[in-house]
Amino acid sequence: MRLLWLDYQQPDPGRHRPGVLLLVAGVVATGVTSADYFAVAAELDAAQSEVAQLRLTAAPQRPRAAAAAAAPVAAGHEAASPPAPTAARWEALFASLEAAADDTVTLLSLHPGAKEIQISGEAKDFAASMDYVKRLQSAPALANARLTQSEVAAENPRHPVKFALVADWRGAP
């Protein structure tokens, strides 16, 4: 007669084999990933040191290039960069923009230059954008305001007109 085990607590010898194999596979995968990480970290360190070395060798050349570019200015030639706008010009510009504003136009951006300013905005319709350009033409700080671009925003359910205009600053140097 065969021996019958009634003890349910005794483990089956083959029951732990998949768990042990999975543990070994995880340890091997962790080892391979760590090796790859350290290899990439070493490559990154080498690249960063190479960049630092290149910056050190290129650094002495920059002051010579800057001195060569500044030599004509020191020799009596005038610089090509325009002077910065004064605070009074800015105040006059903002006062003119506020005086020309109404609830049908929204300004989106201002891009000032030495003699011109580019303005982009959004109007309720094309007529409102043209009225805004006319009001800017009579502004004290601006002259020769002209519409350069207009487009109906079809993605917006109200269909506003996006516009861009250019105006000359009065009293520009």
Protein backbone atom coordinates (compact mmCIF):
# COMPACT_ATOMS: atom_id res chain seq x y z
CA MET A 1 0.00 0.00 0.00
CA ARG A 2 1.13 3.45 -0.87
CA LEU A 3 1.90 6.03 1.79
CA LEU A 4 -0.73 8.77 1.95
CA TRP A 5 0.24 12.25 3.14
CA LEU A 6 -2.52 14.09 4.90
CA ASP A 7 -0.36 16.96 6.07
CA TYR A 8 -1.33 19.99 3.98
CA GLN A 9 1.51 22.08 5.37
CA GLN A 10 4.30 20.12 3.72
CA PRO A 11 5.52 22.01 0.59
CA ASP A 12 5.65 20.43 -2.80
CA PRO A 13 9.29 20.23 -3.95
CA GLY A 14 8.53 21.58 -7.49
CA ARG A 15 6.27 24.40 -6.36
CA HIS A 16 9.07 26.96 -5.76
CA ARG A 17 10.94 26.41 -9.01
CA PRO A 18 9.18 29.17 -11.11
CA GLY A 19 9.67 31.73 -8.33
CA VAL A 20 13.37 30.96 -8.05
CA LEU A 21 13.79 31.17 -11.84
CA LEU A 22 11.99 34.52 -11.90
CA LEU A 23 14.22 35.83 -9.10
CA VAL A 24 17.36 34.79 -10.99
CA ALA A 25 16.08 36.43 -14.18
CA GLY A 26 15.39 39.67 -12.28
CA VAL A 27 18.87 39.70 -10.77
CA VAL A 28 20.44 39.13 -14.20
CA ALA A 29 18.30 41.91 -15.77
CA THR A 30 19.28 44.29 -12.97
CA GLY A 31 22.95 43.50 -13.54
CA VAL A 32 22.72 44.11 -17.30
CA THR A 33 20.81 47.38 -16.78
CA SER A 34 23.34 48.58 -14.20
CA ALA A 35 26.23 47.78 -16.54
CA ASP A 36 24.56 49.74 -19.35
CA TYR A 37 23.90 52.67 -16.99
CA PHE A 38 27.51 52.88 -15.88
CA ALA A 39 28.72 52.65 -19.50
CA VAL A 40 26.45 55.52 -20.56
CA ALA A 41 27.47 57.55 -17.51
CA ALA A 42 31.13 57.08 -18.40
CA GLU A 43 30.45 58.21 -22.00
CA LEU A 44 28.59 61.27 -20.70
CA ASP A 45 31.47 62.20 -18.39
CA ALA A 46 33.93 61.85 -21.27
CA ALA A 47 31.75 64.04 -23.52
CA GLN A 48 31.34 66.70 -20.83
CA SER A 49 35.07 66.84 -20.20
CA GLU A 50 35.68 67.13 -23.95
CA VAL A 51 33.20 70.03 -24.17
CA ALA A 52 34.85 71.73 -21.21
CA GLN A 53 38.26 71.31 -22.87
CA LEU A 54 36.94 72.77 -26.13
CA ARG A 55 35.48 75.75 -24.26
CA LEU A 56 38.82 76.39 -22.60
CA THR A 57 40.65 76.33 -25.92
CA ALA A 58 38.02 78.53 -27.61
CA ALA A 59 37.79 81.08 -24.78
CA PRO A 60 41.02 82.99 -25.63
CA GLN A 61 39.83 83.46 -29.22
CA ARG A 62 36.61 85.25 -28.24
CA PRO A 63 38.24 88.37 -26.72
CA ARG A 64 40.45 88.72 -29.80
CA ALA A 65 37.39 88.56 -32.06
CA ALA A 66 35.56 91.10 -29.90
CA ALA A 67 38.58 93.40 -29.90
CA ALA A 68 38.83 93.12 -33.68
CA ALA A 69 35.15 94.01 -34.04
CA ALA A 70 35.51 96.98 -31.67
CA ALA A 71 38.63 98.33 -33.40
CA PRO A 72 36.72 100.27 -36.13
CA VAL A 73 34.55 101.91 -33.45
CA ALA A 74 37.63 102.91 -31.49
CA ALA A 75 39.19 104.26 -34.68
CA GLY A 76 36.44 106.86 -35.03
CA HIS A 77 33.69 104.95 -36.82
CA GLU A 78 30.19 105.26 -35.39
CA ALA A 79 28.39 102.17 -34.11
CA ALA A 80 25.50 100.86 -36.19
CA SER A 81 23.27 100.09 -33.19
CA PRO A 82 20.48 102.61 -32.67
CA PRO A 83 20.11 104.40 -29.35
CA ALA A 84 17.59 103.01 -26.89
CA PRO A 85 14.20 104.73 -26.66
CA THR A 86 13.92 107.17 -23.79
CA ALA A 87 11.36 106.97 -21.02
CA ALA A 88 9.53 110.00 -22.43
CA ARG A 89 9.12 108.27 -25.81
CA TRP A 90 7.73 105.18 -24.07
CA GLU A 91 5.26 107.24 -22.06
CA ALA A 92 4.10 109.05 -25.18
CA LEU A 93 3.73 105.75 -27.04
CA PHE A 94 1.65 104.13 -24.29
CA ALA A 95 -0.51 107.24 -23.95
CA SER A 96 -1.18 107.18 -27.70
CA LEU A 97 -2.02 103.47 -27.64
CA GLU A 98 -4.40 103.93 -24.71
CA ALA A 99 -6.08 106.91 -26.37
CA ALA A 100 -6.69 104.92 -29.56
CA ALA A 101 -7.99 101.83 -27.75
CA ASP A 102 -11.62 100.81 -27.48
CA ASP A 103 -13.54 97.65 -26.62
CA THR A 104 -13.48 96.29 -30.20
CA VAL A 105 -9.68 95.95 -30.41
CA THR A 106 -7.25 93.96 -28.26
CA LEU A 107 -3.51 94.43 -28.56
CA LEU A 108 -1.51 91.21 -28.59
CA SER A 109 2.11 92.35 -29.01
CA LEU A 110 4.40 95.34 -29.52
CA HIS A 111 7.76 95.01 -31.26
CA PRO A 112 9.56 98.35 -31.02
CA GLY A 113 12.45 99.30 -33.25
CA ALA A 114 14.54 102.45 -33.36
CA LYS A 115 12.21 104.27 -35.76
CA GLU A 116 9.24 101.93 -36.22
CA ILE A 117 6.98 99.90 -33.99
CA GLN A 118 5.15 96.75 -35.05
CA ILE A 119 1.81 96.12 -33.40
CA SER A 120 -0.30 93.00 -33.62
CA GLY A 121 -3.80 92.63 -32.32
CA GLU A 122 -7.28 91.25 -32.70
CA ALA A 123 -10.38 93.20 -33.68
CA LYS A 124 -14.08 92.40 -33.69
CA ASP A 125 -14.18 92.76 -37.47
CA PHE A 126 -12.21 94.28 -40.33
CA ALA A 127 -13.89 97.70 -40.00
CA ALA A 128 -12.85 97.88 -36.33
CA SER A 129 -9.23 97.13 -37.26
CA MET A 130 -9.26 99.87 -39.92
CA ASP A 131 -10.78 102.34 -37.44
CA TYR A 132 -7.99 101.52 -35.00
CA VAL A 133 -5.35 102.18 -37.70
CA LYS A 134 -7.01 105.54 -38.45
CA ARG A 135 -6.99 106.47 -34.75
CA LEU A 136 -3.30 105.56 -34.53
CA GLN A 137 -2.51 107.76 -37.56
CA SER A 138 -3.76 110.76 -35.60
CA ALA A 139 -1.93 109.76 -32.40
CA PRO A 140 0.69 112.26 -31.21
CA ALA A 141 3.51 109.71 -30.73
CA LEU A 142 2.91 107.79 -33.97
CA ALA A 143 2.90 108.65 -37.63
CA ASN A 144 2.23 106.82 -40.87
CA ALA A 145 0.37 103.88 -39.32
CA ARG A 146 -0.34 101.23 -41.94
CA LEU A 147 -1.96 97.82 -41.88
CA THR A 148 0.47 95.10 -43.03
CA GLN A 149 -1.57 91.96 -42.46
CA SER A 150 -5.11 90.93 -41.59
CA GLU A 151 -6.69 87.52 -41.32
CA VAL A 152 -10.05 86.23 -40.13
CA ALA A 153 -9.63 83.66 -37.34
CA ALA A 154 -11.89 80.92 -38.65
CA GLU A 155 -11.22 78.61 -35.68
CA ASN A 156 -12.86 81.09 -33.30
CA PRO A 157 -16.69 81.03 -33.35
CA ARG A 158 -16.85 84.86 -33.24
CA HIS A 159 -14.51 85.14 -36.28
CA PRO A 160 -12.33 88.02 -35.07
CA VAL A 161 -9.79 89.65 -37.37
CA LYS A 162 -6.13 89.22 -36.43
CA PHE A 163 -4.09 92.11 -37.75
CA ALA A 164 -0.57 93.49 -37.82
CA LEU A 165 0.42 97.08 -38.43
CA VAL A 166 3.55 99.19 -38.55
CA ALA A 167 3.82 102.82 -37.43
CA ASP A 168 6.67 105.32 -37.28
CA TRP A 169 7.66 106.77 -33.91
CA ARG A 170 7.56 110.55 -33.93
CA GLY A 171 10.69 112.17 -32.62
CA ALA A 172 12.79 109.12 -33.47
CA PRO A 173 16.52 109.84 -33.50
